[in-house]
Amino acid sequence: MSTELFTVEVDSDIKRRADAVFEELGMSAGKAVNLLLNHVAVLKRIPKDFGQPPIPCLEDMTEEEFDKMIQEAFDEIKAGKGIPADEVRRMMESKYGIEI
């Protein structure tokens, strides 16, 4: 197997957090990128839900991360980027088949 050097620009905070996870898993960021690229090459698609940001778990967040997330939500609402609650309710009921 031959290898190729490949440079990627990433957000430093995301890289720091991802590197911590890779370390726990006993792998490098390079190995993780190889796994992703292999998946794409073999299946000819990106992993399902890959483009969706993960839903943060409050138990895993620092107080600063939580405050930042809440502030970003308020900023989006002020900028008119919010979705009315009735629309969210309809979307959830449609997706999960339960009445909310």
PDB file of N, CA and C in Angstrom:
ATOM      1  N   MET A   1       0.855  -1.177   0.000  1.00  0.00           N
ATOM      2  CA  MET A   1       0.000   0.000   0.000  1.00  0.00           C
ATOM      3  C   MET A   1       0.898   1.237   0.000  1.00  0.00           C
ATOM      4  N   SER A   2       0.663   2.113  -0.927  1.00  0.00           N
ATOM      5  CA  SER A   2       1.408   3.371  -0.929  1.00  0.00           C
ATOM      6  C   SER A   2       0.581   4.431  -0.211  1.00  0.00           C
ATOM      7  N   THR A   3       1.244   5.440   0.276  1.00  0.00           N
ATOM      8  CA  THR A   3       0.544   6.511   0.985  1.00  0.00           C
ATOM      9  C   THR A   3       0.835   7.835   0.299  1.00  0.00           C
ATOM     10  N   GLU A   4      -0.004   8.797   0.608  1.00  0.00           N
ATOM     11  CA  GLU A   4       0.134  10.128   0.031  1.00  0.00           C
ATOM     12  C   GLU A   4      -0.097  11.157   1.129  1.00  0.00           C
ATOM     13  N   LEU A   5       0.764  12.150   1.181  1.00  0.00           N
ATOM     14  CA  LEU A   5       0.597  13.228   2.146  1.00  0.00           C
ATOM     15  C   LEU A   5      -0.544  14.115   1.683  1.00  0.00           C
ATOM     16  N   PHE A   6      -1.407  14.501   2.635  1.00  0.00           N
ATOM     17  CA  PHE A   6      -2.601  15.246   2.266  1.00  0.00           C
ATOM     18  C   PHE A   6      -2.890  16.216   3.396  1.00  0.00           C
ATOM     19  N   THR A   7      -2.973  17.498   3.066  1.00  0.00           N
ATOM     20  CA  THR A   7      -3.155  18.549   4.056  1.00  0.00           C
ATOM     21  C   THR A   7      -4.602  18.999   4.069  1.00  0.00           C
ATOM     22  N   VAL A   8      -5.146  19.126   5.272  1.00  0.00           N
ATOM     23  CA  VAL A   8      -6.536  19.530   5.427  1.00  0.00           C
ATOM     24  C   VAL A   8      -6.600  20.671   6.432  1.00  0.00           C
ATOM     25  N   GLU A   9      -7.394  21.681   6.135  1.00  0.00           N
ATOM     26  CA  GLU A   9      -7.614  22.781   7.067  1.00  0.00           C
ATOM     27  C   GLU A   9      -8.811  22.431   7.944  1.00  0.00           C
ATOM     28  N   VAL A  10      -8.613  22.446   9.252  1.00  0.00           N
ATOM     29  CA  VAL A  10      -9.701  22.129  10.176  1.00  0.00           C
ATOM     30  C   VAL A  10      -9.738  23.145  11.303  1.00  0.00           C
ATOM     31  N   ASP A  11     -10.896  23.294  11.907  1.00  0.00           N
ATOM     32  CA  ASP A  11     -11.066  24.149  13.072  1.00  0.00           C
ATOM     33  C   ASP A  11     -10.214  23.569  14.205  1.00  0.00           C
ATOM     34  N   SER A  12      -9.390  24.397  14.836  1.00  0.00           N
ATOM     35  CA  SER A  12      -8.454  23.903  15.843  1.00  0.00           C
ATOM     36  C   SER A  12      -9.166  23.303  17.059  1.00  0.00           C
ATOM     37  N   ASP A  13     -10.306  23.860  17.461  1.00  0.00           N
ATOM     38  CA  ASP A  13     -11.038  23.310  18.599  1.00  0.00           C
ATOM     39  C   ASP A  13     -11.615  21.940  18.265  1.00  0.00           C
ATOM     40  N   ILE A  14     -12.168  21.806  17.062  1.00  0.00           N
ATOM     41  CA  ILE A  14     -12.720  20.503  16.645  1.00  0.00           C
ATOM     42  C   ILE A  14     -11.604  19.470  16.583  1.00  0.00           C
ATOM     43  N   LYS A  15     -10.444  19.856  16.020  1.00  0.00           N
ATOM     44  CA  LYS A  15      -9.326  18.920  15.930  1.00  0.00           C
ATOM     45  C   LYS A  15      -8.863  18.494  17.316  1.00  0.00           C
ATOM     46  N   ARG A  16      -8.763  19.440  18.246  1.00  0.00           N
ATOM     47  CA  ARG A  16      -8.332  19.120  19.609  1.00  0.00           C
ATOM     48  C   ARG A  16      -9.275  18.107  20.251  1.00  0.00           C
ATOM     49  N   ARG A  17     -10.598  18.363  20.103  1.00  0.00           N
ATOM     50  CA  ARG A  17     -11.580  17.452  20.705  1.00  0.00           C
ATOM     51  C   ARG A  17     -11.580  16.094  20.015  1.00  0.00           C
ATOM     52  N   ALA A  18     -11.461  16.093  18.696  1.00  0.00           N
ATOM     53  CA  ALA A  18     -11.430  14.824  17.958  1.00  0.00           C
ATOM     54  C   ALA A  18     -10.164  14.032  18.294  1.00  0.00           C
ATOM     55  N   ASP A  19      -9.025  14.713  18.392  1.00  0.00           N
ATOM     56  CA  ASP A  19      -7.778  14.025  18.744  1.00  0.00           C
ATOM     57  C   ASP A  19      -7.890  13.331  20.096  1.00  0.00           C
ATOM     58  N   ALA A  20      -8.596  13.959  21.038  1.00  0.00           N
ATOM     59  CA  ALA A  20      -8.787  13.334  22.356  1.00  0.00           C
ATOM     60  C   ALA A  20      -9.573  12.031  22.215  1.00  0.00           C
ATOM     61  N   VAL A  21     -10.576  12.033  21.356  1.00  0.00           N
ATOM     62  CA  VAL A  21     -11.370  10.818  21.127  1.00  0.00           C
ATOM     63  C   VAL A  21     -10.514   9.760  20.432  1.00  0.00           C
ATOM     64  N   PHE A  22      -9.763  10.181  19.401  1.00  0.00           N
ATOM     65  CA  PHE A  22      -8.904   9.225  18.692  1.00  0.00           C
ATOM     66  C   PHE A  22      -7.893   8.589  19.639  1.00  0.00           C
ATOM     67  N   GLU A  23      -7.355   9.401  20.554  1.00  0.00           N
ATOM     68  CA  GLU A  23      -6.395   8.869  21.528  1.00  0.00           C
ATOM     69  C   GLU A  23      -7.051   7.801  22.390  1.00  0.00           C
ATOM     70  N   GLU A  24      -8.280   8.062  22.849  1.00  0.00           N
ATOM     71  CA  GLU A  24      -9.007   7.061  23.646  1.00  0.00           C
ATOM     72  C   GLU A  24      -9.237   5.785  22.853  1.00  0.00           C
ATOM     73  N   LEU A  25      -9.443   5.931  21.543  1.00  0.00           N
ATOM     74  CA  LEU A  25      -9.694   4.774  20.684  1.00  0.00           C
ATOM     75  C   LEU A  25      -8.408   4.107  20.212  1.00  0.00           C
ATOM     76  N   GLY A  26      -7.264   4.720  20.546  1.00  0.00           N
ATOM     77  CA  GLY A  26      -5.981   4.152  20.144  1.00  0.00           C
ATOM     78  C   GLY A  26      -5.697   4.316  18.663  1.00  0.00           C
ATOM     79  N   MET A  27      -6.156   5.409  18.075  1.00  0.00           N
ATOM     80  CA  MET A  27      -5.914   5.645  16.652  1.00  0.00           C
ATOM     81  C   MET A  27      -5.501   7.089  16.429  1.00  0.00           C
ATOM     82  N   SER A  28      -4.955   7.340  15.273  1.00  0.00           N
ATOM     83  CA  SER A  28      -4.556   8.694  14.912  1.00  0.00           C
ATOM     84  C   SER A  28      -5.631   9.350  14.067  1.00  0.00           C
ATOM     85  N   ALA A  29      -5.516  10.656  13.901  1.00  0.00           N
ATOM     86  CA  ALA A  29      -6.438  11.371  13.005  1.00  0.00           C
ATOM     87  C   ALA A  29      -6.263  10.851  11.586  1.00  0.00           C
ATOM     88  N   GLY A  30      -5.031  10.537  11.211  1.00  0.00           N
ATOM     89  CA  GLY A  30      -4.779   9.992   9.870  1.00  0.00           C
ATOM     90  C   GLY A  30      -5.523   8.686   9.636  1.00  0.00           C
ATOM     91  N   LYS A  31      -5.518   7.807  10.632  1.00  0.00           N
ATOM     92  CA  LYS A  31      -6.248   6.533  10.528  1.00  0.00           C
ATOM     93  C   LYS A  31      -7.744   6.798  10.383  1.00  0.00           C
ATOM     94  N   ALA A  32      -8.265   7.766  11.141  1.00  0.00           N
ATOM     95  CA  ALA A  32      -9.687   8.096  11.039  1.00  0.00           C
ATOM     96  C   ALA A  32     -10.029   8.623   9.646  1.00  0.00           C
ATOM     97  N   VAL A  33      -9.175   9.464   9.096  1.00  0.00           N
ATOM     98  CA  VAL A  33      -9.406   9.978   7.743  1.00  0.00           C
ATOM     99  C   VAL A  33      -9.359   8.826   6.744  1.00  0.00           C
ATOM    100  N   ASN A  34      -8.405   7.906   6.897  1.00  0.00           N
ATOM    101  CA  ASN A  34      -8.341   6.742   6.013  1.00  0.00           C
ATOM    102  C   ASN A  34      -9.617   5.910   6.083  1.00  0.00           C
ATOM    103  N   LEU A  35     -10.160   5.740   7.295  1.00  0.00           N
ATOM    104  CA  LEU A  35     -11.411   4.986   7.437  1.00  0.00           C
ATOM    105  C   LEU A  35     -12.551   5.669   6.681  1.00  0.00           C
ATOM    106  N   LEU A  36     -12.645   6.988   6.822  1.00  0.00           N
ATOM    107  CA  LEU A  36     -13.689   7.738   6.123  1.00  0.00           C
ATOM    108  C   LEU A  36     -13.507   7.625   4.610  1.00  0.00           C
ATOM    109  N   LEU A  37     -12.292   7.866   4.130  1.00  0.00           N
ATOM    110  CA  LEU A  37     -12.048   7.813   2.688  1.00  0.00           C
ATOM    111  C   LEU A  37     -12.283   6.417   2.127  1.00  0.00           C
ATOM    112  N   ASN A  38     -11.919   5.387   2.895  1.00  0.00           N
ATOM    113  CA  ASN A  38     -12.172   4.017   2.447  1.00  0.00           C
ATOM    114  C   ASN A  38     -13.669   3.757   2.337  1.00  0.00           C
ATOM    115  N   HIS A  39     -14.425   4.218   3.312  1.00  0.00           N
ATOM    116  CA  HIS A  39     -15.880   4.058   3.288  1.00  0.00           C
ATOM    117  C   HIS A  39     -16.456   4.696   2.020  1.00  0.00           C
ATOM    118  N   VAL A  40     -16.049   5.911   1.753  1.00  0.00           N
ATOM    119  CA  VAL A  40     -16.543   6.635   0.575  1.00  0.00           C
ATOM    120  C   VAL A  40     -16.143   5.897  -0.700  1.00  0.00           C
ATOM    121  N   ALA A  41     -14.892   5.446  -0.789  1.00  0.00           N
ATOM    122  CA  ALA A  41     -14.406   4.774  -1.994  1.00  0.00           C
ATOM    123  C   ALA A  41     -15.127   3.452  -2.246  1.00  0.00           C
ATOM    124  N   VAL A  42     -15.341   2.683  -1.195  1.00  0.00           N
ATOM    125  CA  VAL A  42     -15.973   1.366  -1.344  1.00  0.00           C
ATOM    126  C   VAL A  42     -17.469   1.488  -1.603  1.00  0.00           C
ATOM    127  N   LEU A  43     -18.157   2.300  -0.806  1.00  0.00           N
ATOM    128  CA  LEU A  43     -19.611   2.391  -0.915  1.00  0.00           C
ATOM    129  C   LEU A  43     -20.093   3.481  -1.866  1.00  0.00           C
ATOM    130  N   LYS A  44     -19.153   4.323  -2.299  1.00  0.00           N
ATOM    131  CA  LYS A  44     -19.461   5.408  -3.238  1.00  0.00           C
ATOM    132  C   LYS A  44     -20.510   6.373  -2.677  1.00  0.00           C
ATOM    133  N   ARG A  45     -20.403   6.621  -1.395  1.00  0.00           N
ATOM    134  CA  ARG A  45     -21.271   7.591  -0.724  1.00  0.00           C
ATOM    135  C   ARG A  45     -20.637   7.946   0.612  1.00  0.00           C
ATOM    136  N   ILE A  46     -21.070   9.045   1.185  1.00  0.00           N
ATOM    137  CA  ILE A  46     -20.585   9.380   2.516  1.00  0.00           C
ATOM    138  C   ILE A  46     -21.458   8.662   3.539  1.00  0.00           C
ATOM    139  N   PRO A  47     -20.948   8.470   4.759  1.00  0.00           N
ATOM    140  CA  PRO A  47     -21.755   7.775   5.770  1.00  0.00           C
ATOM    141  C   PRO A  47     -23.089   8.481   6.004  1.00  0.00           C
ATOM    142  N   LYS A  48     -24.112   7.698   6.282  1.00  0.00           N
ATOM    143  CA  LYS A  48     -25.442   8.241   6.558  1.00  0.00           C
ATOM    144  C   LYS A  48     -25.352   9.246   7.707  1.00  0.00           C
ATOM    145  N   ASP A  49     -26.040  10.347   7.551  1.00  0.00           N
ATOM    146  CA  ASP A  49     -26.094  11.422   8.548  1.00  0.00           C
ATOM    147  C   ASP A  49     -24.743  12.098   8.792  1.00  0.00           C
ATOM    148  N   PHE A  50     -23.756  11.838   7.930  1.00  0.00           N
ATOM    149  CA  PHE A  50     -22.427  12.413   8.116  1.00  0.00           C
ATOM    150  C   PHE A  50     -22.450  13.932   8.097  1.00  0.00           C
ATOM    151  N   GLY A  51     -23.295  14.522   7.271  1.00  0.00           N
ATOM    152  CA  GLY A  51     -23.362  15.972   7.167  1.00  0.00           C
ATOM    153  C   GLY A  51     -24.163  16.634   8.271  1.00  0.00           C
ATOM    154  N   GLN A  52     -24.820  15.834   9.107  1.00  0.00           N
ATOM    155  CA  GLN A  52     -25.637  16.385  10.184  1.00  0.00           C
ATOM    156  C   GLN A  52     -24.775  16.617  11.417  1.00  0.00           C
ATOM    157  N   PRO A  53     -24.844  17.803  11.982  1.00  0.00           N
ATOM    158  CA  PRO A  53     -24.069  18.013  13.201  1.00  0.00           C
ATOM    159  C   PRO A  53     -24.614  17.150  14.329  1.00  0.00           C
ATOM    160  N   PRO A  54     -23.723  16.610  15.156  1.00  0.00           N
ATOM    161  CA  PRO A  54     -24.206  15.779  16.259  1.00  0.00           C
ATOM    162  C   PRO A  54     -24.978  16.604  17.268  1.00  0.00           C
ATOM    163  N   ILE A  55     -25.945  15.971  17.889  1.00  0.00           N
ATOM    164  CA  ILE A  55     -26.714  16.637  18.939  1.00  0.00           C
ATOM    165  C   ILE A  55     -25.874  16.582  20.206  1.00  0.00           C
ATOM    166  N   PRO A  56     -25.554  17.731  20.780  1.00  0.00           N
ATOM    167  CA  PRO A  56     -24.709  17.711  21.974  1.00  0.00           C
ATOM    168  C   PRO A  56     -25.416  17.087  23.164  1.00  0.00           C
ATOM    169  N   CYS A  57     -24.677  16.367  23.954  1.00  0.00           N
ATOM    170  CA  CYS A  57     -25.185  15.760  25.184  1.00  0.00           C
ATOM    171  C   CYS A  57     -24.796  16.673  26.338  1.00  0.00           C
ATOM    172  N   LEU A  58     -25.771  17.156  27.068  1.00  0.00           N
ATOM    173  CA  LEU A  58     -25.502  18.100  28.154  1.00  0.00           C
ATOM    174  C   LEU A  58     -24.521  17.548  29.180  1.00  0.00           C
ATOM    175  N   GLU A  59     -24.573  16.252  29.416  1.00  0.00           N
ATOM    176  CA  GLU A  59     -23.674  15.649  30.408  1.00  0.00           C
ATOM    177  C   GLU A  59     -22.213  15.758  30.000  1.00  0.00           C
ATOM    178  N   ASP A  60     -21.960  15.859  28.683  1.00  0.00           N
ATOM    179  CA  ASP A  60     -20.590  15.912  28.182  1.00  0.00           C
ATOM    180  C   ASP A  60     -20.092  17.333  27.934  1.00  0.00           C
ATOM    181  N   MET A  61     -20.936  18.335  28.192  1.00  0.00           N
ATOM    182  CA  MET A  61     -20.576  19.716  27.900  1.00  0.00           C
ATOM    183  C   MET A  61     -20.062  20.423  29.145  1.00  0.00           C
ATOM    184  N   THR A  62     -19.089  21.299  28.917  1.00  0.00           N
ATOM    185  CA  THR A  62     -18.667  22.178  30.007  1.00  0.00           C
ATOM    186  C   THR A  62     -19.694  23.298  30.128  1.00  0.00           C
ATOM    187  N   GLU A  63     -19.641  24.036  31.219  1.00  0.00           N
ATOM    188  CA  GLU A  63     -20.553  25.162  31.390  1.00  0.00           C
ATOM    189  C   GLU A  63     -20.341  26.190  30.275  1.00  0.00           C
ATOM    190  N   GLU A  64     -19.088  26.402  29.883  1.00  0.00           N
ATOM    191  CA  GLU A  64     -18.777  27.359  28.819  1.00  0.00           C
ATOM    192  C   GLU A  64     -19.354  26.904  27.475  1.00  0.00           C
ATOM    193  N   GLU A  65     -19.250  25.605  27.183  1.00  0.00           N
ATOM    194  CA  GLU A  65     -19.799  25.078  25.928  1.00  0.00           C
ATOM    195  C   GLU A  65     -21.321  25.224  25.905  1.00  0.00           C
ATOM    196  N   PHE A  66     -21.954  24.945  27.046  1.00  0.00           N
ATOM    197  CA  PHE A  66     -23.406  25.085  27.139  1.00  0.00           C
ATOM    198  C   PHE A  66     -23.814  26.537  26.937  1.00  0.00           C
ATOM    199  N   ASP A  67     -23.121  27.459  27.617  1.00  0.00           N
ATOM    200  CA  ASP A  67     -23.433  28.883  27.482  1.00  0.00           C
ATOM    201  C   ASP A  67     -23.268  29.345  26.032  1.00  0.00           C
ATOM    202  N   LYS A  68     -22.215  28.862  25.372  1.00  0.00           N
ATOM    203  CA  LYS A  68     -21.969  29.225  23.970  1.00  0.00           C
ATOM    204  C   LYS A  68     -23.106  28.708  23.081  1.00  0.00           C
ATOM    205  N   MET A  69     -23.532  27.463  23.311  1.00  0.00           N
ATOM    206  CA  MET A  69     -24.612  26.883  22.511  1.00  0.00           C
ATOM    207  C   MET A  69     -25.907  27.678  22.683  1.00  0.00           C
ATOM    208  N   ILE A  70     -26.221  28.047  23.920  1.00  0.00           N
ATOM    209  CA  ILE A  70     -27.437  28.813  24.187  1.00  0.00           C
ATOM    210  C   ILE A  70     -27.344  30.194  23.548  1.00  0.00           C
ATOM    211  N   GLN A  71     -26.180  30.843  23.652  1.00  0.00           N
ATOM    212  CA  GLN A  71     -26.007  32.165  23.055  1.00  0.00           C
ATOM    213  C   GLN A  71     -26.169  32.101  21.537  1.00  0.00           C
ATOM    214  N   GLU A  72     -25.605  31.062  20.905  1.00  0.00           N
ATOM    215  CA  GLU A  72     -25.749  30.899  19.455  1.00  0.00           C
ATOM    216  C   GLU A  72     -27.218  30.730  19.070  1.00  0.00           C
ATOM    217  N   ALA A  73     -27.965  29.994  19.893  1.00  0.00           N
ATOM    218  CA  ALA A  73     -29.394  29.813  19.617  1.00  0.00           C
ATOM    219  C   ALA A  73     -30.134  31.141  19.714  1.00  0.00           C
ATOM    220  N   PHE A  74     -29.851  31.922  20.748  1.00  0.00           N
ATOM    221  CA  PHE A  74     -30.484  33.240  20.891  1.00  0.00           C
ATOM    222  C   PHE A  74     -30.117  34.147  19.718  1.00  0.00           C
ATOM    223  N   ASP A  75     -28.846  34.105  19.310  1.00  0.00           N
ATOM    224  CA  ASP A  75     -28.397  34.935  18.184  1.00  0.00           C
ATOM    225  C   ASP A  75     -29.139  34.561  16.897  1.00  0.00           C
ATOM    226  N   GLU A  76     -29.355  33.257  16.677  1.00  0.00           N
ATOM    227  CA  GLU A  76     -30.092  32.819  15.488  1.00  0.00           C
ATOM    228  C   GLU A  76     -31.545  33.288  15.539  1.00  0.00           C
ATOM    229  N   ILE A  77     -32.145  33.210  16.696  1.00  0.00           N
ATOM    230  CA  ILE A  77     -33.534  33.667  16.845  1.00  0.00           C
ATOM    231  C   ILE A  77     -33.622  35.158  16.540  1.00  0.00           C
ATOM    232  N   LYS A  78     -32.700  35.951  17.121  1.00  0.00           N
ATOM    233  CA  LYS A  78     -32.686  37.390  16.874  1.00  0.00           C
ATOM    234  C   LYS A  78     -32.486  37.711  15.401  1.00  0.00           C
ATOM    235  N   ALA A  79     -31.724  36.868  14.698  1.00  0.00           N
ATOM    236  CA  ALA A  79     -31.443  37.087  13.275  1.00  0.00           C
ATOM    237  C   ALA A  79     -32.575  36.570  12.388  1.00  0.00           C
ATOM    238  N   GLY A  80     -33.640  36.055  13.001  1.00  0.00           N
ATOM    239  CA  GLY A  80     -34.774  35.559  12.218  1.00  0.00           C
ATOM    240  C   GLY A  80     -34.550  34.197  11.596  1.00  0.00           C
ATOM    241  N   LYS A  81     -33.591  33.439  12.111  1.00  0.00           N
ATOM    242  CA  LYS A  81     -33.282  32.124  11.546  1.00  0.00           C
ATOM    243  C   LYS A  81     -34.009  30.986  12.254  1.00  0.00           C
ATOM    244  N   GLY A  82     -34.843  31.311  13.216  1.00  0.00           N
ATOM    245  CA  GLY A  82     -35.539  30.277  13.967  1.00  0.00           C
ATOM    246  C   GLY A  82     -36.675  29.649  13.181  1.00  0.00           C
ATOM    247  N   ILE A  83     -37.149  28.514  13.664  1.00  0.00           N
ATOM    248  CA  ILE A  83     -38.291  27.822  13.078  1.00  0.00           C
ATOM    249  C   ILE A  83     -39.419  27.889  14.093  1.00  0.00           C
ATOM    250  N   PRO A  84     -40.620  28.306  13.670  1.00  0.00           N
ATOM    251  CA  PRO A  84     -41.745  28.382  14.616  1.00  0.00           C
ATOM    252  C   PRO A  84     -42.003  27.028  15.281  1.00  0.00           C
ATOM    253  N   ALA A  85     -42.379  27.066  16.552  1.00  0.00           N
ATOM    254  CA  ALA A  85     -42.596  25.848  17.331  1.00  0.00           C
ATOM    255  C   ALA A  85     -43.613  24.914  16.678  1.00  0.00           C
ATOM    256  N   ASP A  86     -44.678  25.476  16.078  1.00  0.00           N
ATOM    257  CA  ASP A  86     -45.683  24.623  15.434  1.00  0.00           C
ATOM    258  C   ASP A  86     -45.077  23.836  14.274  1.00  0.00           C
ATOM    259  N   GLU A  87     -44.166  24.479  13.537  1.00  0.00           N
ATOM    260  CA  GLU A  87     -43.526  23.791  12.413  1.00  0.00           C
ATOM    261  C   GLU A  87     -42.605  22.683  12.921  1.00  0.00           C
ATOM    262  N   VAL A  88     -41.867  22.960  13.988  1.00  0.00           N
ATOM    263  CA  VAL A  88     -40.991  21.945  14.585  1.00  0.00           C
ATOM    264  C   VAL A  88     -41.834  20.767  15.069  1.00  0.00           C
ATOM    265  N   ARG A  89     -42.956  21.068  15.714  1.00  0.00           N
ATOM    266  CA  ARG A  89     -43.852  20.014  16.206  1.00  0.00           C
ATOM    267  C   ARG A  89     -44.343  19.144  15.050  1.00  0.00           C
ATOM    268  N   ARG A  90     -44.768  19.772  13.953  1.00  0.00           N
ATOM    269  CA  ARG A  90     -45.235  19.007  12.786  1.00  0.00           C
ATOM    270  C   ARG A  90     -44.120  18.138  12.217  1.00  0.00           C
ATOM    271  N   MET A  91     -42.912  18.696  12.149  1.00  0.00           N
ATOM    272  CA  MET A  91     -41.771  17.940  11.629  1.00  0.00           C
ATOM    273  C   MET A  91     -41.482  16.724  12.504  1.00  0.00           C
ATOM    274  N   MET A  92     -41.492  16.911  13.825  1.00  0.00           N
ATOM    275  CA  MET A  92     -41.210  15.817  14.757  1.00  0.00           C
ATOM    276  C   MET A  92     -42.292  14.744  14.679  1.00  0.00           C
ATOM    277  N   GLU A  93     -43.548  15.178  14.627  1.00  0.00           N
ATOM    278  CA  GLU A  93     -44.647  14.215  14.549  1.00  0.00           C
ATOM    279  C   GLU A  93     -44.571  13.420  13.255  1.00  0.00           C
ATOM    280  N   SER A  94     -44.235  14.103  12.161  1.00  0.00           N
ATOM    281  CA  SER A  94     -44.121  13.430  10.870  1.00  0.00           C
ATOM    282  C   SER A  94     -42.960  12.437  10.869  1.00  0.00           C
ATOM    283  N   LYS A  95     -41.815  12.855  11.399  1.00  0.00           N
ATOM    284  CA  LYS A  95     -40.620  12.025  11.375  1.00  0.00           C
ATOM    285  C   LYS A  95     -40.743  10.825  12.308  1.00  0.00           C
ATOM    286  N   TYR A  96     -41.273  11.041  13.525  1.00  0.00           N
ATOM    287  CA  TYR A  96     -41.291   9.987  14.525  1.00  0.00           C
ATOM    288  C   TYR A  96     -42.634   9.333  14.744  1.00  0.00           C
ATOM    289  N   GLY A  97     -43.684   9.859  14.086  1.00  0.00           N
ATOM    290  CA  GLY A  97     -45.000   9.250  14.154  1.00  0.00           C
ATOM    291  C   GLY A  97     -45.645   9.323  15.530  1.00  0.00           C
ATOM    292  N   ILE A  98     -45.261  10.303  16.325  1.00  0.00           N
ATOM    293  CA  ILE A  98     -45.869  10.472  17.640  1.00  0.00           C
ATOM    294  C   ILE A  98     -46.379  11.887  17.772  1.00  0.00           C
ATOM    295  N   GLU A  99     -47.413  12.036  18.561  1.00  0.00           N
ATOM    296  CA  GLU A  99     -47.969  13.372  18.777  1.00  0.00           C
ATOM    297  C   GLU A  99     -47.203  14.074  19.894  1.00  0.00           C
ATOM    298  N   ILE A 100     -46.797  15.283  19.618  1.00  0.00           N
ATOM    299  CA  ILE A 100     -46.005  16.039  20.603  1.00  0.00           C
ATOM    300  C   ILE A 100     -46.838  17.193  21.105  1.00  0.00           C
TER     301      ILE A 100
END
